[in-house]
Protein backbone atom coordinates (compact mmCIF):
# COMPACT_ATOMS: atom_id res chain seq x y z
CA MET A 1 2.79 25.85 11.29
CA ALA A 2 0.24 23.38 9.93
CA SER A 3 1.67 19.77 8.60
CA ALA A 4 1.81 18.89 5.20
CA LEU A 5 0.51 15.83 5.64
CA THR A 6 -2.54 15.44 8.00
CA PRO A 7 -3.74 12.20 9.54
CA GLN A 8 -6.74 12.14 7.01
CA GLN A 9 -4.45 12.24 3.87
CA LEU A 10 -2.35 9.59 5.42
CA SER A 11 -5.29 7.55 6.13
CA GLU A 12 -7.05 8.10 2.64
CA THR A 13 -3.05 7.02 0.76
CA HIS A 14 -2.20 4.20 3.05
CA ARG A 15 -5.06 2.84 5.21
CA PRO A 16 -6.00 0.21 2.29
CA THR A 17 -2.53 -0.92 2.42
CA LEU A 18 -2.04 -1.45 5.83
CA ASP A 19 -5.49 -3.18 5.73
CA GLN A 20 -4.27 -5.62 3.41
CA ALA A 21 -0.95 -6.26 5.06
CA LEU A 22 -3.03 -7.08 8.10
CA ASP A 23 -4.93 -9.47 6.29
CA VAL A 24 -2.24 -11.24 4.48
CA ILE A 25 -0.02 -11.95 7.71
CA SER A 26 -2.92 -14.00 8.87
CA THR A 27 -3.31 -15.90 5.23
CA ARG A 28 0.25 -16.38 4.76
CA ALA A 29 -0.84 -15.61 0.73
CA TYR A 30 1.56 -14.29 -1.66
CA TRP A 31 1.03 -10.26 -1.99
CA SER A 32 3.47 -7.43 -2.18
CA PRO A 33 2.52 -3.82 -3.04
CA HIS A 34 5.94 -2.81 -4.07
CA PRO A 35 6.90 -4.05 -7.86
CA GLU A 36 9.95 -6.30 -8.22
CA HIS A 37 10.53 -5.37 -11.60
CA PRO A 38 12.98 -2.27 -12.42
CA LYS A 39 10.38 -0.98 -15.51
CA ALA A 40 7.57 -0.71 -12.98
CA TYR A 41 9.21 2.64 -11.99
CA GLY A 42 9.50 5.82 -13.76
CA GLU A 43 7.46 7.01 -16.89
CA GLY A 44 4.39 4.68 -16.98
CA GLY A 45 5.18 2.96 -13.66
CA ALA A 46 4.62 3.95 -10.09
CA PRO A 47 3.39 7.76 -9.76
CA GLY A 48 6.36 10.03 -8.59
CA SER A 49 8.95 7.18 -8.92
CA LEU A 50 12.37 7.63 -10.54
CA GLY A 51 13.04 5.42 -13.44
CA ALA A 52 16.47 3.43 -14.41
CA ALA A 53 18.26 6.46 -15.72
CA GLU A 54 16.86 9.10 -13.18
CA GLY A 55 17.76 6.71 -10.25
CA LYS A 56 21.22 6.02 -11.68
CA ALA A 57 21.81 9.98 -12.01
CA ALA A 58 20.41 10.50 -8.39
CA PHE A 59 22.92 8.34 -7.10
CA ASP A 60 25.61 9.32 -9.37
CA ALA A 61 24.95 12.74 -8.14
CA LEU A 62 25.54 11.87 -4.65
CA LEU A 63 28.87 10.71 -5.03
CA GLY A 64 31.64 12.97 -3.74
CA THR A 65 29.07 14.93 -1.81
CA ARG A 66 28.09 15.77 1.64
CA LEU A 67 25.04 14.47 2.74
CA ASP A 68 23.60 17.02 5.55
CA LEU A 69 20.63 15.32 7.50
CA GLY A 70 20.11 18.41 9.63
CA GLN A 71 20.92 16.28 12.59
CA PRO A 72 21.62 18.19 16.14
CA GLY A 73 25.06 17.80 17.59
CA THR A 74 27.10 17.56 14.64
CA ASP A 75 30.70 17.37 15.29
CA GLY A 76 32.55 16.58 12.13
CA TRP A 77 31.85 14.78 8.83
CA VAL A 78 32.95 11.02 8.17
CA GLY A 79 33.33 8.69 4.91
CA GLY A 80 35.34 6.45 3.15
CA GLU A 81 33.18 3.92 1.72
CA VAL A 82 34.82 2.03 -1.11
CA SER A 83 32.79 -0.02 -3.56
CA PRO A 84 33.04 -3.77 -3.68
CA TYR A 85 33.16 -2.91 -7.30
CA GLY A 86 36.31 -0.53 -7.08
CA PRO A 87 35.02 2.88 -7.12
CA GLU A 88 35.54 5.64 -4.11
CA LEU A 89 31.89 6.49 -3.39
CA GLY A 90 33.27 9.90 -1.43
CA VAL A 91 30.32 10.76 0.26
CA GLU A 92 30.60 12.55 3.78
CA TYR A 93 27.93 11.84 6.59
CA PRO A 94 27.45 13.56 9.86
CA HIS A 95 29.48 12.42 12.73
CA ALA A 96 27.47 13.00 16.12
CA ASP A 97 28.04 14.11 19.51
CA LEU A 98 26.20 11.12 21.14
CA ASP A 99 25.11 13.31 24.40
CA VAL A 100 23.41 16.02 21.95
CA LEU A 101 21.84 13.99 19.70
CA LEU A 102 20.38 11.19 22.11
CA SER A 103 18.74 13.90 24.21
CA ALA A 104 17.21 15.79 20.78
CA MET A 105 16.02 12.14 19.98
CA LYS A 106 14.01 12.07 22.72
CA ALA A 107 12.47 15.71 22.71
CA GLY A 108 9.65 14.30 20.40
CA THR A 109 8.43 11.09 22.16
CA ALA A 110 5.60 12.51 23.60
CA ALA A 111 3.86 13.64 20.76
CA TRP A 112 4.86 10.56 18.78
CA ARG A 113 3.29 8.50 21.77
CA ALA A 114 0.22 10.47 21.73
CA ALA A 115 -0.23 10.02 17.84
CA GLY A 116 -1.47 6.56 18.77
CA PRO A 117 -0.83 3.25 16.52
CA GLU A 118 -2.63 4.07 13.52
CA VAL A 119 -0.92 7.32 13.09
CA ARG A 120 2.16 6.05 13.47
CA ALA A 121 1.96 3.15 11.10
CA LEU A 122 0.58 5.16 8.41
CA VAL A 123 3.59 7.75 8.68
CA CYS A 124 5.72 4.58 8.49
CA LEU A 125 4.07 3.79 5.22
CA GLU A 126 4.45 7.20 3.71
CA ILE A 127 8.44 6.84 4.50
CA LEU A 128 7.89 3.53 2.77
CA SER A 129 6.42 4.71 -0.23
CA ARG A 130 8.66 7.41 -0.74
CA ILE A 131 11.31 4.88 -0.32
CA SER A 132 9.94 3.04 -2.91
CA ALA A 133 9.77 5.59 -5.19
CA ARG A 134 13.10 5.86 -5.04
CA THR A 135 14.20 2.42 -5.30
CA HIS A 136 16.51 2.74 -8.31
CA GLU A 137 18.68 5.23 -6.97
CA LEU A 138 19.03 2.82 -3.81
CA ALA A 139 20.00 -0.15 -5.60
CA HIS A 140 22.82 1.58 -6.62
CA ALA A 141 23.56 2.56 -3.24
CA VAL A 142 23.09 -0.90 -2.16
CA MET A 143 25.02 -2.54 -5.12
CA HIS A 144 28.03 -0.12 -4.46
CA THR A 145 28.21 -0.91 -0.67
CA SER A 146 27.28 -4.74 -0.34
CA GLY A 147 28.39 -6.13 -3.31
CA GLN A 148 25.31 -7.58 -4.56
CA ALA A 149 24.74 -7.50 -8.37
CA PHE A 150 22.17 -5.06 -9.43
CA MET A 151 19.33 -7.01 -10.12
CA MET A 152 19.59 -8.65 -6.65
CA ALA A 153 20.51 -5.06 -5.19
CA PHE A 154 17.43 -3.76 -6.68
CA GLN A 155 15.15 -6.38 -5.74
CA ALA A 156 16.45 -7.60 -2.17
CA GLY A 157 17.47 -3.97 -1.32
CA GLY A 158 14.67 -2.57 -2.70
CA PRO A 159 10.86 -4.24 -2.99
CA HIS A 160 11.91 -7.16 -0.59
CA ALA A 161 13.36 -4.88 1.92
CA GLN A 162 10.38 -2.61 1.96
CA ASP A 163 7.92 -5.82 2.20
CA ARG A 164 9.81 -6.95 5.09
CA GLY A 165 9.54 -3.04 6.65
CA LEU A 166 5.52 -2.95 5.86
CA GLU A 167 5.43 -6.68 7.47
CA ALA A 168 6.85 -5.20 10.60
CA VAL A 169 4.59 -2.35 10.73
CA ALA A 170 1.55 -4.78 10.30
CA TYR A 171 2.72 -6.66 13.28
CA ALA A 172 3.57 -3.45 15.06
CA TYR A 173 -0.11 -2.09 14.62
CA ARG A 174 -1.69 -5.51 15.22
CA GLU A 175 0.09 -6.07 18.69
CA GLN A 176 -0.85 -2.34 19.75
CA VAL A 177 -4.56 -2.50 18.90
CA ARG A 178 -5.01 -5.58 20.92
CA THR A 179 -5.93 -3.80 23.65
CA PRO A 180 -8.74 -1.04 23.70
CA GLU A 181 -7.85 2.68 24.19
CA THR A 182 -10.49 3.13 26.55
CA ALA A 183 -12.81 0.80 28.80
CA ASP A 184 -15.84 1.73 31.19
CA TRP A 185 -15.28 -0.62 34.47
CA SER A 186 -18.37 -1.39 36.50
CA LYS A 187 -18.17 -3.77 39.52
CA PRO A 188 -21.53 -4.76 41.40
CA GLN A 189 -21.56 -4.22 44.80
CA GLY A 190 -24.90 -5.85 45.89
CA LYS A 191 -27.32 -3.14 47.37
CA ARG A 192 -24.57 -0.53 47.34
CA ASP A 193 -23.65 1.52 44.18
CA PRO A 194 -21.44 -0.11 41.66
CA LEU A 195 -17.74 0.56 41.74
CA LYS A 196 -17.18 2.66 38.40
CA LEU A 197 -14.14 3.44 36.70
CA HIS A 198 -13.14 4.89 33.57
CA LYS A 199 -9.80 3.32 32.19
CA SER A 200 -7.42 4.28 29.55
CA PHE A 201 -5.02 2.62 27.95
CA ILE A 202 -1.91 3.98 26.18
CA THR A 203 0.96 2.62 24.10
CA SER A 204 4.15 3.40 25.22
CA GLY A 205 7.70 2.94 23.43
CA ARG A 206 10.78 1.65 25.75
CA GLY A 207 13.03 4.45 24.61
CA VAL A 208 15.47 5.16 21.96
CA ALA A 209 16.18 1.95 19.75
CA LEU A 210 19.50 1.05 18.10
CA VAL A 211 19.60 -0.47 14.67
CA ILE A 212 23.21 -1.64 14.17
CA GLY A 213 23.29 -1.99 10.27
CA CYS A 214 25.12 -5.02 8.54
CA ASN A 215 27.46 -4.80 5.31
CA THR A 216 25.79 -7.39 3.14
CA PHE A 217 22.02 -6.52 3.72
CA PRO A 218 21.92 -2.82 5.00
CA THR A 219 18.40 -2.28 3.97
CA TRP A 220 16.73 -6.09 3.85
CA ASN A 221 18.23 -6.66 7.50
CA GLY A 222 17.74 -3.05 8.64
CA TYR A 223 14.29 -2.32 7.82
CA PRO A 224 12.40 -4.85 10.16
CA GLY A 225 13.90 -3.25 13.39
CA LEU A 226 13.69 0.21 12.03
CA PHE A 227 9.87 0.29 11.45
CA ALA A 228 8.98 -2.19 14.05
CA SER A 229 10.33 0.17 16.65
CA LEU A 230 8.89 3.65 15.27
CA ALA A 231 5.91 1.94 14.76
CA THR A 232 5.64 1.12 18.26
CA GLY A 233 6.42 4.61 19.33
CA ASN A 234 10.28 4.67 19.99
CA PRO A 235 12.77 7.04 18.49
CA VAL A 236 15.32 5.10 15.91
CA LEU A 237 19.16 5.89 15.91
CA VAL A 238 20.57 4.06 13.07
CA LYS A 239 24.07 3.05 13.08
CA PRO A 240 25.08 1.59 9.75
CA HIS A 241 28.32 -0.30 9.01
CA PRO A 242 31.08 1.62 8.15
CA ARG A 243 31.40 0.10 4.48
CA ALA A 244 27.62 0.46 3.81
CA VAL A 245 26.40 3.68 5.09
CA LEU A 246 24.94 5.13 2.08
CA PRO A 247 21.68 2.94 1.51
CA LEU A 248 20.58 3.65 5.21
CA ALA A 249 21.61 7.33 5.28
CA LEU A 250 19.35 7.91 2.24
CA THR A 251 16.63 5.78 4.24
CA VAL A 252 17.12 8.08 7.49
CA SER A 253 16.76 11.31 5.28
CA ILE A 254 13.45 10.15 3.85
CA ALA A 255 12.27 9.33 7.23
CA ARG A 256 13.16 12.73 8.48
CA GLU A 257 11.54 14.47 5.82
CA VAL A 258 8.36 12.57 6.13
CA LEU A 259 8.10 13.20 10.22
CA GLY A 260 8.78 16.61 9.62
CA GLU A 261 5.87 17.11 7.01
CA ALA A 262 3.72 15.01 8.99
CA GLY A 263 4.10 17.54 12.30
CA PHE A 264 6.53 15.38 14.07
CA ASP A 265 9.87 15.95 15.29
CA PRO A 266 12.42 15.24 12.46
CA ASN A 267 15.11 13.59 15.11
CA LEU A 268 12.80 10.77 15.70
CA VAL A 269 15.34 9.10 13.38
CA ALA A 270 18.91 9.88 13.33
CA LEU A 271 22.08 8.29 11.85
CA ALA A 272 25.05 7.53 13.82
CA ALA A 273 28.04 7.18 11.33
CA GLU A 274 31.54 6.22 12.78
CA ARG A 275 35.09 7.29 12.13
CA PRO A 276 37.59 4.47 11.11
CA GLY A 277 37.94 2.26 14.28
CA GLU A 278 35.80 4.10 16.50
CA GLY A 279 33.50 1.13 17.29
CA ILE A 280 30.71 3.20 18.44
CA ALA A 281 28.18 0.38 18.25
CA LYS A 282 29.77 -0.92 21.61
CA THR A 283 29.66 2.46 23.26
CA LEU A 284 25.98 2.90 22.03
CA ALA A 285 24.71 -0.35 23.16
CA VAL A 286 25.17 0.06 26.87
CA ARG A 287 24.14 3.65 27.12
CA PRO A 288 21.22 4.15 29.27
CA GLU A 289 18.81 5.65 26.46
CA ILE A 290 19.18 2.86 24.30
CA ARG A 291 16.21 0.31 25.41
CA ILE A 292 16.03 -1.57 22.00
CA ILE A 293 18.94 -3.00 19.82
CA ASP A 294 18.66 -4.82 16.44
CA TYR A 295 21.50 -6.43 15.39
CA THR A 296 22.73 -8.44 12.28
CA GLY A 297 26.22 -9.73 12.19
CA SER A 298 28.80 -12.10 14.06
CA THR A 299 28.06 -14.32 16.77
CA ALA A 300 30.85 -12.68 18.87
CA PHE A 301 29.28 -9.21 18.71
CA GLY A 302 25.90 -10.75 19.07
CA ASP A 303 26.90 -12.70 22.01
CA TRP A 304 28.17 -9.67 23.42
CA LEU A 305 25.32 -7.76 23.12
CA GLU A 306 23.20 -10.17 24.77
CA GLU A 307 25.26 -10.27 27.65
CA ASN A 308 26.07 -6.79 28.21
CA ALA A 309 23.20 -4.65 27.10
CA ARG A 310 21.07 -5.41 29.97
CA GLN A 311 19.32 -2.20 29.90
CA ALA A 312 17.75 -2.82 26.22
CA GLN A 313 15.67 -5.48 24.47
CA VAL A 314 18.31 -7.26 22.15
CA TYR A 315 17.17 -8.77 18.96
CA THR A 316 20.12 -10.47 17.10
CA GLU A 317 20.65 -12.36 14.09
CA LYS A 318 24.19 -14.05 14.14
CA ALA A 319 25.96 -16.72 12.24
CA GLY A 320 24.48 -20.09 11.80
CA VAL A 321 25.78 -23.21 9.64
CA ASN A 322 22.98 -24.12 7.16
CA THR A 323 22.48 -27.44 6.12
CA ILE A 324 21.06 -29.74 3.54
CA VAL A 325 20.40 -33.41 3.93
CA VAL A 326 20.53 -35.43 0.63
CA ASP A 327 18.68 -38.98 1.32
CA SER A 328 16.99 -39.52 -2.56
CA THR A 329 15.22 -37.82 -5.19
CA ASP A 330 12.72 -38.00 -7.88
CA ASP A 331 14.19 -35.11 -9.84
CA TYR A 332 17.83 -35.12 -9.85
CA ARG A 333 18.35 -32.75 -12.17
CA GLY A 334 16.17 -30.02 -10.60
CA MET A 335 17.91 -31.06 -7.46
CA LEU A 336 21.46 -30.26 -8.69
CA ALA A 337 20.05 -27.02 -10.53
CA ASN A 338 18.43 -25.76 -7.68
CA LEU A 339 21.49 -26.48 -5.16
CA ALA A 340 23.80 -24.84 -7.93
CA PHE A 341 21.81 -21.57 -7.84
CA SER A 342 21.65 -21.84 -4.17
CA LEU A 343 25.30 -21.80 -3.52
CA SER A 344 26.04 -19.25 -5.96
CA LEU A 345 23.41 -16.74 -5.26
CA TYR A 346 25.60 -13.58 -4.21
CA SER A 347 28.71 -15.70 -3.59
CA GLY A 348 27.12 -17.77 -1.13
CA GLN A 349 27.26 -14.15 1.01
CA MET A 350 23.83 -14.70 2.31
CA CYS A 351 22.91 -15.81 6.24
CA THR A 352 20.68 -18.57 4.55
CA THR A 353 22.98 -19.98 1.90
CA PRO A 354 23.61 -23.60 2.66
CA GLN A 355 27.00 -24.71 3.88
CA ASN A 356 27.01 -28.42 4.38
CA LEU A 357 25.76 -30.72 2.21
CA LEU A 358 25.35 -34.10 3.80
CA ILE A 359 25.42 -37.12 1.57
CA PRO A 360 25.19 -40.59 2.41
CA ARG A 361 28.69 -42.38 2.07
CA ASP A 362 26.92 -45.30 -0.18
CA GLY A 363 24.90 -42.78 -2.25
CA ILE A 364 21.42 -42.06 -2.94
CA ALA A 365 18.41 -43.34 -5.04
CA THR A 366 17.08 -41.06 -7.69
CA ASP A 367 15.12 -40.90 -10.88
CA ALA A 368 18.32 -41.03 -13.05
CA GLY A 369 19.44 -44.23 -10.91
CA ALA A 370 21.81 -44.96 -8.23
CA LYS A 371 24.17 -42.19 -7.31
CA SER A 372 27.30 -42.69 -5.33
CA TYR A 373 28.51 -39.74 -3.15
CA ASP A 374 31.28 -39.18 -5.62
CA ASP A 375 28.57 -39.13 -8.38
CA VAL A 376 26.45 -36.67 -6.46
CA VAL A 377 29.30 -34.27 -5.49
CA ALA A 378 30.76 -34.33 -9.44
CA ASP A 379 27.40 -34.26 -10.81
CA LEU A 380 26.64 -30.81 -8.52
CA SER A 381 30.20 -29.56 -9.15
CA ALA A 382 29.41 -29.93 -12.91
CA ALA A 383 25.86 -28.21 -12.42
CA VAL A 384 27.70 -25.02 -10.84
CA THR A 385 30.24 -24.98 -13.50
CA GLY A 386 27.78 -25.05 -16.30
CA LEU A 387 25.71 -22.25 -14.44
CA LEU A 388 28.56 -19.78 -14.22
CA GLY A 389 30.38 -20.70 -17.42
CA ASP A 390 29.53 -17.50 -18.86
CA ASP A 391 31.35 -14.69 -17.12
CA ALA A 392 28.74 -12.07 -18.09
CA ARG A 393 25.96 -14.49 -16.41
CA ALA A 394 28.13 -15.39 -13.64
CA SER A 395 28.80 -11.73 -12.77
CA ALA A 396 25.17 -11.05 -12.65
CA LEU A 397 24.30 -13.88 -10.35
CA LEU A 398 27.54 -14.10 -7.99
CA GLY A 399 27.88 -10.06 -7.50
CA ALA A 400 31.46 -9.13 -5.95
CA LEU A 401 33.20 -10.49 -2.81
CA VAL A 402 31.85 -7.77 -0.10
CA ASN A 403 35.49 -7.69 1.91
CA PRO A 404 39.29 -8.77 1.78
CA ASP A 405 38.07 -11.48 4.51
CA VAL A 406 35.51 -13.54 2.07
CA ARG A 407 38.24 -13.79 -0.42
CA ALA A 408 41.11 -15.12 2.24
CA ARG A 409 38.44 -17.77 3.24
CA VAL A 410 37.61 -19.19 -0.67
CA GLU A 411 41.48 -19.20 -1.17
CA ALA A 412 42.19 -21.06 1.98
CA ALA A 413 39.20 -23.50 1.45
CA GLY A 414 41.73 -26.06 -0.47
CA GLU A 415 43.63 -26.52 2.97
CA LEU A 416 40.40 -27.93 4.52
CA GLY A 417 39.97 -31.03 2.67
CA GLU A 418 39.84 -32.33 -1.19
CA VAL A 419 38.65 -29.74 -3.62
CA ALA A 420 35.85 -31.27 -5.49
CA LEU A 421 35.15 -27.86 -7.38
CA PRO A 422 37.78 -25.09 -7.21
CA SER A 423 36.86 -21.57 -7.56
CA ARG A 424 37.87 -19.38 -10.60
CA THR A 425 38.23 -15.90 -10.66
CA VAL A 426 35.55 -14.32 -12.75
CA ALA A 427 36.18 -11.38 -14.97
CA ASN A 428 33.77 -8.21 -14.77
CA ALA A 429 33.59 -6.26 -17.76
CA GLU A 430 32.00 -3.10 -16.55
CA PHE A 431 33.83 -3.41 -13.04
CA PRO A 432 37.34 -5.15 -13.80
CA ASP A 433 38.38 -4.25 -9.99
CA ALA A 434 35.73 -6.23 -8.97
CA ALA A 435 36.70 -9.33 -6.98
CA VAL A 436 34.26 -12.09 -8.36
CA ARG A 437 34.92 -15.88 -7.50
CA THR A 438 32.89 -18.83 -8.09
CA PRO A 439 32.14 -21.37 -5.42
CA VAL A 440 34.29 -23.83 -4.20
CA VAL A 441 33.17 -27.24 -2.88
CA VAL A 442 35.07 -29.37 -0.20
CA LYS A 443 34.91 -32.97 0.11
CA LEU A 444 34.79 -33.58 4.02
CA ASP A 445 34.58 -37.10 6.07
CA GLY A 446 31.42 -36.91 8.45
CA THR A 447 33.34 -39.51 10.86
CA LYS A 448 36.79 -37.57 11.40
CA PRO A 449 36.86 -35.08 14.16
CA ASP A 450 39.50 -32.91 12.38
CA ASP A 451 36.92 -32.21 9.28
CA GLY A 452 34.47 -31.59 11.83
CA ALA A 453 36.07 -28.55 13.03
CA ALA A 454 35.74 -27.19 9.42
CA TYR A 455 32.04 -28.31 8.93
CA LEU A 456 30.68 -27.06 12.30
CA SER A 457 32.11 -23.68 11.96
CA GLU A 458 30.62 -21.14 9.43
CA CYS A 459 32.72 -20.36 6.56
CA PHE A 460 30.94 -17.21 5.21
CA GLY A 461 30.97 -17.00 1.65
CA PRO A 462 31.03 -18.88 -1.39
CA VAL A 463 32.51 -22.24 0.57
CA SER A 464 30.57 -25.20 0.74
CA PHE A 465 31.22 -28.71 2.18
CA ALA A 466 29.89 -32.25 0.92
CA VAL A 467 30.34 -34.17 3.95
CA ALA A 468 30.18 -37.96 3.42
CA VAL A 469 28.13 -39.50 6.22
CA GLU A 470 27.71 -43.25 7.18
CA SER A 471 23.72 -43.37 6.41
CA THR A 472 20.82 -41.00 6.44
CA ALA A 473 20.15 -41.57 9.98
CA ALA A 474 23.69 -40.57 10.99
CA ALA A 475 23.04 -37.22 8.81
CA LEU A 476 19.87 -36.53 10.87
CA ASP A 477 22.35 -37.10 13.98
CA LEU A 478 24.44 -34.44 12.61
CA LEU A 479 21.84 -32.18 11.49
CA ARG A 480 20.38 -32.07 14.96
CA ARG A 481 23.89 -31.58 16.44
CA THR A 482 24.55 -28.65 14.13
CA ILE A 483 21.45 -26.81 14.66
CA ARG A 484 21.76 -27.03 18.98
CA GLU A 485 25.27 -26.21 18.95
CA LYS A 486 25.90 -23.76 15.84
CA GLY A 487 22.29 -22.76 14.79
CA ALA A 488 20.73 -22.62 11.48
CA MET A 489 18.93 -19.91 9.48
CA THR A 490 17.69 -22.54 7.02
CA VAL A 491 17.83 -26.34 6.53
CA GLY A 492 16.65 -28.10 3.47
CA ALA A 493 16.50 -31.93 2.62
CA TYR A 494 15.34 -34.12 -0.37
CA THR A 495 13.90 -37.23 -0.04
CA THR A 496 11.27 -39.51 -1.70
CA SER A 497 10.80 -41.58 1.57
CA PRO A 498 7.59 -40.35 3.93
CA GLU A 499 9.34 -41.67 6.95
CA VAL A 500 12.93 -39.99 6.27
CA GLU A 501 10.65 -36.30 5.54
CA ARG A 502 8.94 -36.84 8.95
CA ALA A 503 12.34 -37.72 10.96
CA ILE A 504 13.73 -34.70 9.32
CA GLU A 505 10.88 -32.56 10.35
CA ASP A 506 10.98 -33.70 13.82
CA VAL A 507 14.46 -32.86 14.10
CA CYS A 508 13.78 -29.20 12.98
CA LEU A 509 10.52 -28.92 15.14
CA ASP A 510 12.62 -29.95 17.90
CA GLU A 511 15.60 -27.62 17.40
CA SER A 512 13.45 -24.58 16.00
CA ALA A 513 14.78 -24.45 12.35
CA GLN A 514 12.98 -23.51 9.10
CA LEU A 515 12.73 -26.45 7.00
CA SER A 516 12.80 -26.61 2.92
CA LEU A 517 11.91 -29.94 1.41
CA ASN A 518 12.52 -31.23 -2.01
CA LEU A 519 13.10 -27.92 -3.77
CA THR A 520 13.58 -28.28 -7.52
CA GLY A 521 12.04 -25.30 -9.36
CA GLY A 522 12.26 -21.56 -8.86
CA VAL A 523 11.93 -21.01 -5.18
CA TYR A 524 15.41 -21.55 -3.44
CA VAL A 525 16.12 -22.59 0.35
CA ASN A 526 18.04 -19.29 0.74
CA GLN A 527 15.17 -16.92 -0.48
CA THR A 528 12.01 -15.85 1.89
CA ALA A 529 9.02 -14.09 1.15
CA ALA A 530 7.86 -11.47 3.56
CA PHE A 531 4.27 -11.65 4.58
CA SER A 532 4.45 -15.22 4.17
CA ASP A 533 7.65 -16.92 5.48
CA PHE A 534 9.40 -16.84 8.72
CA HIS A 535 13.27 -15.62 8.42
CA GLY A 536 14.81 -17.48 11.08
CA SER A 537 12.93 -18.82 13.97
CA GLY A 538 14.54 -17.34 17.29
CA GLY A 539 14.50 -20.85 18.56
CA ASN A 540 18.16 -21.97 17.91
CA PRO A 541 21.73 -19.99 18.25
CA ALA A 542 21.72 -18.40 14.91
CA ALA A 543 19.37 -15.66 15.75
CA ASN A 544 17.21 -14.92 19.00
CA ALA A 545 14.47 -13.69 16.68
CA ALA A 546 12.29 -14.08 13.62
CA LEU A 547 11.74 -11.73 10.70
CA CYS A 548 8.71 -11.21 11.44
CA ASP A 549 6.29 -12.37 14.05
CA ALA A 550 4.38 -11.17 17.21
CA ALA A 551 7.19 -11.55 19.45
CA PHE A 552 9.69 -9.42 17.28
CA VAL A 553 7.48 -6.38 18.08
CA ALA A 554 5.40 -7.00 21.07
CA ASN A 555 8.33 -6.17 23.50
CA ARG A 556 8.98 -2.98 21.92
CA PHE A 557 6.11 -1.22 23.87
CA ARG A 558 4.47 -1.14 26.64
CA VAL A 559 0.72 -0.68 27.75
CA VAL A 560 0.41 2.49 30.54
CA GLU A 561 -2.88 2.36 32.04
CA VAL A 562 -4.62 5.50 33.53
CA ARG A 563 -7.43 4.95 35.77
CA ARG A 564 -10.00 7.56 36.49
CA GLN A 565 -12.90 7.78 39.06
CA ALA A 566 -16.35 7.48 36.63
């Protein structure tokens, strides 16, 4: 049967987008083909896309149903997701006999390899296009599995995640086509006839890739590895977090649909949902079929993967301790507003949220006059309080706490030091069962070893430490130690001194940490833009890879050479 999607159709539809993505990863300019505004979808928006009401209806129709993906080896059904906002989702997913499923996934590899880098990239772009058309539906799925507020779930879980997936495809394509497909080789032999060979160079994937999803950003963190591996010729098995299955299950469903329509084996992408407490990530990670692993989550399991999954190329994003150095500012009010938003966004449940604010004990110089350490901490606390004073506004910014462990950390923060800003419970009018808490800020002393035990450990969630240090120089020493020992996804700093700025840059260059300087407007240290910003560096303990660079894709495939006598 002829495929519904021909290579020519795919090229006509998606080659311009691929070309633009290839251009923008070189220029690092702003660009996105996926609209951020909800009104850009549905009637009058992107063709074929679901509008707000249609997307909500599609999500509601999934609740309490069985999502049959048509995968081989299904030996039962699993589910049990409960929204951080309260409702049970009631969706069931196929549970796989891994021996059967992994065998089936490898069956389509030869045809997928033979398709070549361009066709693979264009199929991936068709998958992303169909995901984009269902952004409203996926936004609700992300919201009710991660606890993100709707607008964040819509943007970060939708267009921003899709951008990261497309970015990975562009990098994958560029690295694969660096080597020509064929070459005629001729070596002169003096008076004798030259030696002649015809050479073919074929990109070949490593094998089955495993994506281990996270609870907080299932699509944003899941799409880069998924599409990087698929575009480089590898089947992809998606193992979602048990509390955040639905967004990735929908993604797998769409991918399987597109692969089938394009004439490829749908089993090139499959889902591995698990029973409660089954822990199949550990089982899968060391199976010989698994040759690539992408993981976002705790340092403990990330370290275990790096040490034990020796047969696989492992890409990890783990925990870090993100730090802000406050030396001086010429926009004190802007600094406070920017930091207040950064601490509050999604209740601090981002791998890029600032945790430690290093503030000189003797205070800082600002455009509003000299400010003591206590002044800065009090004024920042007031800025957070003002930002989150209205419950409706606070709920839209904070979302909900993703699990009871986060709530426990918030409630125990007062035991770590003097509380400068206590957390308060926010009432969510639409979802009264949601656990919503404002950030807590704790004062700590940078010279006390006991306090160091707190601020040198990641405290995931809306908990931040205002650490009093002896000087800016002491702050930089502590910054260096923190990045080197604990890692950091992001570093921020405020200074009006060119010398201090250079010193901070040197620390971040030495320790390989991404730095944001003097942010006082609408860009925040915990946000990164695909095609332009690198998420993580891969050079410190927080992550061994960056989203997205050539290193993230190049080791997912090999070039196999075939030589023939000419």
